[in-house]
């Protein structure tokens, strides 16, 4: 069952409650459903984690935790899925988001060289920013929907499989 696999790798609630960046949520972290894995919290957690992974900001984990608290879904799953975007996958994912945004807006793809400076970010927001952000938003919604419906169906079929197994 997917629940057992996820629970095996999920950090303890105390670990996340004491995390330096998540302490800002204080008492909000004490809701039981934020730490439970059930048919309602797991699909929502996957959707939030996959959506937050496409948001191009630092501290995506804090965003995922805030959204998980707001929607009352599992925090550890939401926060863990953000790590899909990591230094190895981020360039490919975000370049793909940029190309999708260019296609949707009907613009020409521009050549650019990334530069880790605030000046480059400010100047790029007007040129490559709109297609990039639109592509990130579209892919975030698509992956969130895929994650939500995949986990909801996987959960449903695992329950049906268990019922069928009990009946035999």
Protein backbone atom coordinates (compact mmCIF):
# COMPACT_ATOMS: atom_id res chain seq x y z
CA UNK A 1 0.00 0.00 0.00
CA UNK A 2 1.34 3.47 -0.82
CA UNK A 3 0.55 4.68 2.70
CA UNK A 4 3.10 2.35 4.27
CA UNK A 5 5.77 3.34 1.77
CA UNK A 6 5.17 7.05 2.31
CA UNK A 7 5.06 6.69 6.11
CA UNK A 8 8.39 4.88 6.08
CA UNK A 9 10.16 7.88 4.57
CA UNK A 10 8.12 10.61 6.25
CA UNK A 11 9.90 12.63 8.95
CA UNK A 12 8.47 12.70 12.45
CA UNK A 13 6.08 15.57 13.24
CA UNK A 14 8.36 16.74 16.05
CA UNK A 15 11.24 17.14 13.61
CA UNK A 16 9.21 19.42 11.36
CA UNK A 17 7.56 21.30 14.24
CA UNK A 18 11.05 22.20 15.47
CA UNK A 19 12.44 23.08 12.03
CA UNK A 20 13.84 26.63 12.14
CA UNK A 21 11.91 27.83 9.08
CA UNK A 22 8.62 26.16 10.01
CA UNK A 23 8.49 27.52 13.56
CA UNK A 24 6.85 30.65 12.15
CA UNK A 25 3.61 28.68 11.92
CA UNK A 26 3.55 28.08 15.69
CA UNK A 27 0.35 26.46 17.01
CA UNK A 28 -1.02 25.93 13.51
CA UNK A 29 1.26 22.89 13.26
CA UNK A 30 -0.68 21.06 15.97
CA UNK A 31 -3.69 20.11 13.82
CA UNK A 32 -3.76 16.28 13.61
CA UNK A 33 -4.72 16.15 9.92
CA UNK A 34 -1.51 17.95 8.99
CA UNK A 35 0.42 14.85 10.04
CA UNK A 36 -2.05 12.12 9.06
CA UNK A 37 -1.95 10.19 5.84
CA UNK A 38 -5.46 9.46 4.70
CA UNK A 39 -7.45 9.47 1.48
CA UNK A 40 -8.20 13.18 1.81
CA UNK A 41 -4.86 14.58 2.97
CA UNK A 42 -2.50 12.60 0.73
CA UNK A 43 -3.82 13.69 -2.70
CA UNK A 44 -4.01 17.31 -1.58
CA UNK A 45 -0.49 17.13 -0.20
CA UNK A 46 0.81 15.80 -3.52
CA UNK A 47 -0.98 18.57 -5.41
CA UNK A 48 0.43 21.28 -3.15
CA UNK A 49 3.96 19.87 -3.18
CA UNK A 50 4.02 19.52 -6.95
CA UNK A 51 2.57 22.99 -7.45
CA UNK A 52 5.05 24.60 -5.04
CA UNK A 53 7.92 22.82 -6.80
CA UNK A 54 7.17 24.90 -9.91
CA UNK A 55 7.11 28.22 -8.05
CA UNK A 56 10.48 29.83 -8.79
CA UNK A 57 11.24 31.29 -5.37
CA UNK A 58 13.68 30.43 -2.61
CA UNK A 59 12.19 28.66 0.41
CA UNK A 60 9.64 26.66 -1.56
CA UNK A 61 9.35 24.39 1.47
CA UNK A 62 7.89 27.22 3.54
CA UNK A 63 5.38 27.97 0.77
CA UNK A 64 4.42 24.28 0.60
CA UNK A 65 4.00 24.13 4.39
CA UNK A 66 1.86 27.29 4.41
CA UNK A 67 -0.38 25.94 1.65
CA UNK A 68 -0.62 22.57 3.42
CA UNK A 69 -1.71 24.31 6.62
CA UNK A 70 -4.22 26.46 4.73
CA UNK A 71 -5.73 23.45 2.91
CA UNK A 72 -5.34 21.16 5.96
CA UNK A 73 -3.36 18.44 4.18
CA UNK A 74 -0.24 16.47 5.07
CA UNK A 75 2.74 18.78 5.63
CA UNK A 76 5.62 16.27 5.33
CA UNK A 77 4.46 15.03 1.93
CA UNK A 78 3.91 18.58 0.65
CA UNK A 79 7.30 19.75 1.85
CA UNK A 80 9.15 16.65 0.59
CA UNK A 81 7.75 16.93 -2.93
CA UNK A 82 9.22 20.39 -3.32
CA UNK A 83 12.62 18.74 -3.60
CA UNK A 84 11.71 17.61 -7.09
CA UNK A 85 13.23 20.95 -8.01
CA UNK A 86 16.82 20.65 -6.96
CA UNK A 87 20.08 21.93 -8.44
CA UNK A 88 20.16 19.01 -10.90
CA UNK A 89 16.57 19.23 -12.18
CA UNK A 90 15.88 22.95 -11.86
CA UNK A 91 17.63 24.14 -15.06
CA UNK A 92 15.78 21.64 -17.24
CA UNK A 93 12.42 22.16 -15.54
CA UNK A 94 12.56 25.94 -15.57
CA UNK A 95 13.87 26.14 -19.12
CA UNK A 96 10.98 23.90 -20.16
CA UNK A 97 8.61 26.25 -18.32
CA UNK A 98 10.12 29.19 -20.18
CA UNK A 99 9.68 27.46 -23.56
CA UNK A 100 6.06 26.61 -22.73
CA UNK A 101 5.38 30.22 -21.75
CA UNK A 102 6.96 31.44 -24.98
CA UNK A 103 4.75 29.05 -26.95
CA UNK A 104 1.56 30.07 -25.13
CA UNK A 105 2.26 33.79 -25.45
CA UNK A 106 3.34 33.43 -29.09
CA UNK A 107 6.69 35.11 -28.49
CA UNK A 108 10.06 34.29 -29.93
CA UNK A 109 12.41 32.41 -27.60
CA UNK A 110 15.28 34.68 -26.65
CA UNK A 111 18.85 33.65 -26.07
CA UNK A 112 20.03 34.44 -22.59
CA UNK A 113 22.86 33.53 -20.29
CA UNK A 114 22.02 33.12 -16.64
CA UNK A 115 23.91 35.34 -14.28
CA UNK A 116 23.62 35.02 -10.50
CA UNK A 117 23.09 38.71 -9.80
CA UNK A 118 20.23 40.91 -8.72
CA UNK A 119 20.78 43.18 -11.75
CA UNK A 120 20.33 40.23 -14.14
CA UNK A 121 17.11 39.20 -12.38
CA UNK A 122 15.69 42.74 -12.55
CA UNK A 123 16.53 43.17 -16.22
CA UNK A 124 15.24 39.70 -17.13
CA UNK A 125 11.85 40.16 -15.48
CA UNK A 126 10.70 42.33 -18.36
CA UNK A 127 12.08 40.15 -21.16
CA UNK A 128 12.04 36.47 -20.20
CA UNK A 129 10.05 36.88 -16.98
CA UNK A 130 6.46 36.82 -18.30
CA UNK A 131 6.82 33.64 -20.40
CA UNK A 132 8.85 31.97 -17.65
CA UNK A 133 6.34 32.75 -14.90
CA UNK A 134 3.37 31.79 -17.08
CA UNK A 135 5.05 28.48 -17.98
CA UNK A 136 5.79 27.79 -14.31
CA UNK A 137 2.17 28.52 -13.38
CA UNK A 138 0.75 26.31 -16.15
CA UNK A 139 3.09 23.41 -15.34
CA UNK A 140 2.42 23.84 -11.62
CA UNK A 141 -1.33 23.49 -12.22
CA UNK A 142 -0.86 20.53 -14.58
CA UNK A 143 1.47 18.63 -12.25
CA UNK A 144 -0.72 19.43 -9.24
CA UNK A 145 -3.76 17.99 -11.02
CA UNK A 146 -1.85 14.92 -12.18
CA UNK A 147 -0.48 14.36 -8.67
CA UNK A 148 -3.87 14.84 -7.03
CA UNK A 149 -5.81 12.50 -9.32
CA UNK A 150 -3.02 9.90 -9.48
CA UNK A 151 -2.77 9.59 -5.70
CA UNK A 152 -6.55 9.71 -5.22
CA UNK A 153 -7.00 6.89 -7.75
CA UNK A 154 -4.07 4.92 -6.39
CA UNK A 155 -5.57 5.18 -2.91
CA UNK A 156 -9.01 4.18 -4.18
CA UNK A 157 -7.69 1.16 -6.05
CA UNK A 158 -5.54 0.02 -3.14
CA UNK A 159 -8.62 0.08 -0.89
CA UNK A 160 -10.65 -1.82 -3.50
CA UNK A 161 -7.83 -4.35 -3.83
CA UNK A 162 -7.81 -4.87 -0.05
CA UNK A 163 -11.59 -5.34 0.01
CA UNK A 164 -11.38 -7.82 -2.83
CA UNK A 165 -8.57 -9.69 -1.08
CA UNK A 166 -10.61 -9.87 2.16
CA UNK A 167 -13.61 -11.23 0.28
CA UNK A 168 -11.65 -14.21 -1.04
